[in-house]
Amino acid sequence: VFSSAGLDPQPVIDTTVAFMKGKGIDISHQKSKSIRQVPNIEAYQVVVALAKSALSTFLIVPGKTVQLDWSIEDPSRLDGTPAEKQAAYEQAHQQLRAQIHDLVEAIEGENEKH
C-alpha cells in the first residue's frame, strides 16, 4: 500500500501536473492530504520524508516503521525562468526515481533471502 501526504497540504499546481503528464503520469485528479488523513498509517512499514521539516511528523507513526529522509528541493517553489523550473522538476524527478529504484531493489532483495 502506498500513499502520499504532506505537513501543509496545498492544491497540486498546474506546473507539477504538466511535468508529470510529460512523464506519462496523470496526477490531474490527485488531491493533497495531511499525514493525519492517511488511513491505517500504523500499518505502514516505510515512511519517506521529502523535506527535513517532515521528519518530526514521523513521531505520529506508531509501530515498527522505517523512516527515510529523502529531502529534496521542492521544484514548485523555485523562482526562475521556465527552463530553470523545468530543470528543477527534472532533477527532483531523477533523484526520486533513483531513490525509489534503490528502495524497491532493497525490499526485493530482502524478500529473496526469506
Protein backbone atom coordinates (compact mmCIF):
# COMPACT_ATOMS: atom_id res chain seq x y z
CA VAL A 1 0.00 0.00 0.00
CA PHE A 2 1.31 3.41 -0.96
CA SER A 3 0.06 6.84 -0.01
CA SER A 4 1.20 10.44 -0.24
CA ALA A 5 0.66 13.17 2.31
CA GLY A 6 2.19 16.41 3.50
CA LEU A 7 2.56 18.66 6.50
CA ASP A 8 0.65 21.56 4.96
CA PRO A 9 -1.40 20.18 2.06
CA GLN A 10 -1.80 22.58 -0.85
CA PRO A 11 -3.57 22.12 -4.19
CA VAL A 12 -1.45 20.40 -6.82
CA ILE A 13 -0.16 23.17 -9.08
CA ASP A 14 -0.56 23.15 -12.85
CA THR A 15 3.21 23.13 -13.48
CA THR A 16 3.55 19.91 -11.50
CA VAL A 17 0.58 18.31 -13.27
CA ALA A 18 2.04 19.26 -16.67
CA PHE A 19 5.51 17.94 -15.80
CA MET A 20 4.16 14.59 -14.62
CA LYS A 21 1.91 14.34 -17.69
CA GLY A 22 5.08 14.69 -19.76
CA LYS A 23 6.43 11.67 -17.86
CA GLY A 24 3.28 9.69 -18.70
CA ILE A 25 1.75 10.01 -15.22
CA ASP A 26 -1.66 11.66 -14.84
CA ILE A 27 -1.93 13.36 -11.44
CA SER A 28 -4.61 15.83 -12.52
CA HIS A 29 -7.20 14.25 -10.23
CA GLN A 30 -4.92 13.94 -7.20
CA LYS A 31 -5.80 15.84 -4.05
CA SER A 32 -3.29 16.83 -1.39
CA LYS A 33 -3.87 15.50 2.10
CA SER A 34 -2.34 15.70 5.55
CA ILE A 35 -0.42 12.78 7.01
CA ARG A 36 -3.20 12.59 9.59
CA GLN A 37 -5.61 11.77 6.75
CA VAL A 38 -3.72 8.62 5.71
CA PRO A 39 -5.87 5.64 6.73
CA ASN A 40 -4.19 2.82 8.68
CA ILE A 41 -0.86 4.64 8.86
CA GLU A 42 0.12 2.40 11.77
CA ALA A 43 0.35 -0.48 9.28
CA TYR A 44 2.92 1.28 7.08
CA GLN A 45 6.39 -0.23 7.22
CA VAL A 46 8.26 2.52 5.37
CA VAL A 47 7.70 6.28 5.57
CA VAL A 48 9.67 8.66 3.36
CA ALA A 49 10.15 12.37 4.12
CA LEU A 50 10.88 14.67 1.19
CA ALA A 51 11.67 17.64 3.46
CA LYS A 52 13.67 17.96 6.67
CA SER A 53 10.67 19.64 8.29
CA ALA A 54 8.66 16.44 7.75
CA LEU A 55 10.96 14.31 9.89
CA SER A 56 9.35 15.44 13.15
CA THR A 57 5.97 14.29 11.83
CA PHE A 58 7.20 10.70 11.87
CA LEU A 59 6.65 10.74 15.61
CA ILE A 60 2.92 10.24 14.98
CA VAL A 61 3.55 6.96 13.13
CA PRO A 62 3.32 4.18 15.74
CA GLY A 63 4.84 0.74 15.48
CA LYS A 64 7.88 -0.56 13.69
CA THR A 65 8.36 1.81 10.80
CA VAL A 66 11.49 2.54 8.78
CA GLN A 67 11.77 6.28 8.36
CA LEU A 68 13.75 7.59 5.38
CA ASP A 69 14.97 11.14 4.76
CA TRP A 70 14.94 11.86 1.03
CA SER A 71 14.99 15.64 1.38
CA ILE A 72 14.87 17.38 -1.99
CA GLU A 73 14.29 20.91 -3.14
CA ASP A 74 10.63 21.47 -3.99
CA PRO A 75 10.69 22.47 -7.67
CA SER A 76 7.26 24.09 -7.41
CA ARG A 77 8.73 26.75 -5.11
CA LEU A 78 11.54 27.78 -7.45
CA ASP A 79 11.56 31.28 -8.87
CA GLY A 80 13.16 31.31 -12.28
CA THR A 81 12.69 31.04 -15.99
CA PRO A 82 10.51 28.28 -17.43
CA ALA A 83 13.70 26.43 -18.45
CA GLU A 84 15.10 26.68 -14.91
CA LYS A 85 11.84 25.44 -13.45
CA GLN A 86 11.74 22.53 -15.90
CA ALA A 87 15.33 21.64 -14.97
CA ALA A 88 14.43 21.72 -11.26
CA TYR A 89 11.48 19.40 -11.83
CA GLU A 90 13.66 17.06 -13.86
CA GLN A 91 16.34 16.98 -11.16
CA ALA A 92 13.78 16.21 -8.44
CA HIS A 93 12.21 13.54 -10.63
CA GLN A 94 15.55 11.86 -11.29
CA GLN A 95 16.51 11.95 -7.59
CA LEU A 96 13.21 10.40 -6.53
CA ARG A 97 13.30 7.84 -9.33
CA ALA A 98 16.77 6.67 -8.24
CA GLN A 99 15.76 6.53 -4.56
CA ILE A 100 12.59 4.57 -5.32
CA HIS A 101 14.54 2.16 -7.54
CA ASP A 102 17.08 1.54 -4.78
CA LEU A 103 14.35 1.06 -2.17
CA VAL A 104 12.47 -1.46 -4.33
CA GLU A 105 15.71 -3.35 -5.01
CA ALA A 106 16.48 -3.46 -1.27
CA ILE A 107 12.99 -4.73 -0.45
CA GLU A 108 13.03 -7.33 -3.21
CA GLY A 109 16.48 -8.47 -2.12
CA GLU A 110 15.22 -8.94 1.45
CA ASN A 111 12.23 -10.95 0.18
CA GLU A 112 14.51 -13.25 -1.81
CA LYS A 113 16.51 -14.07 1.34
CA HIS A 114 13.40 -15.33 3.17
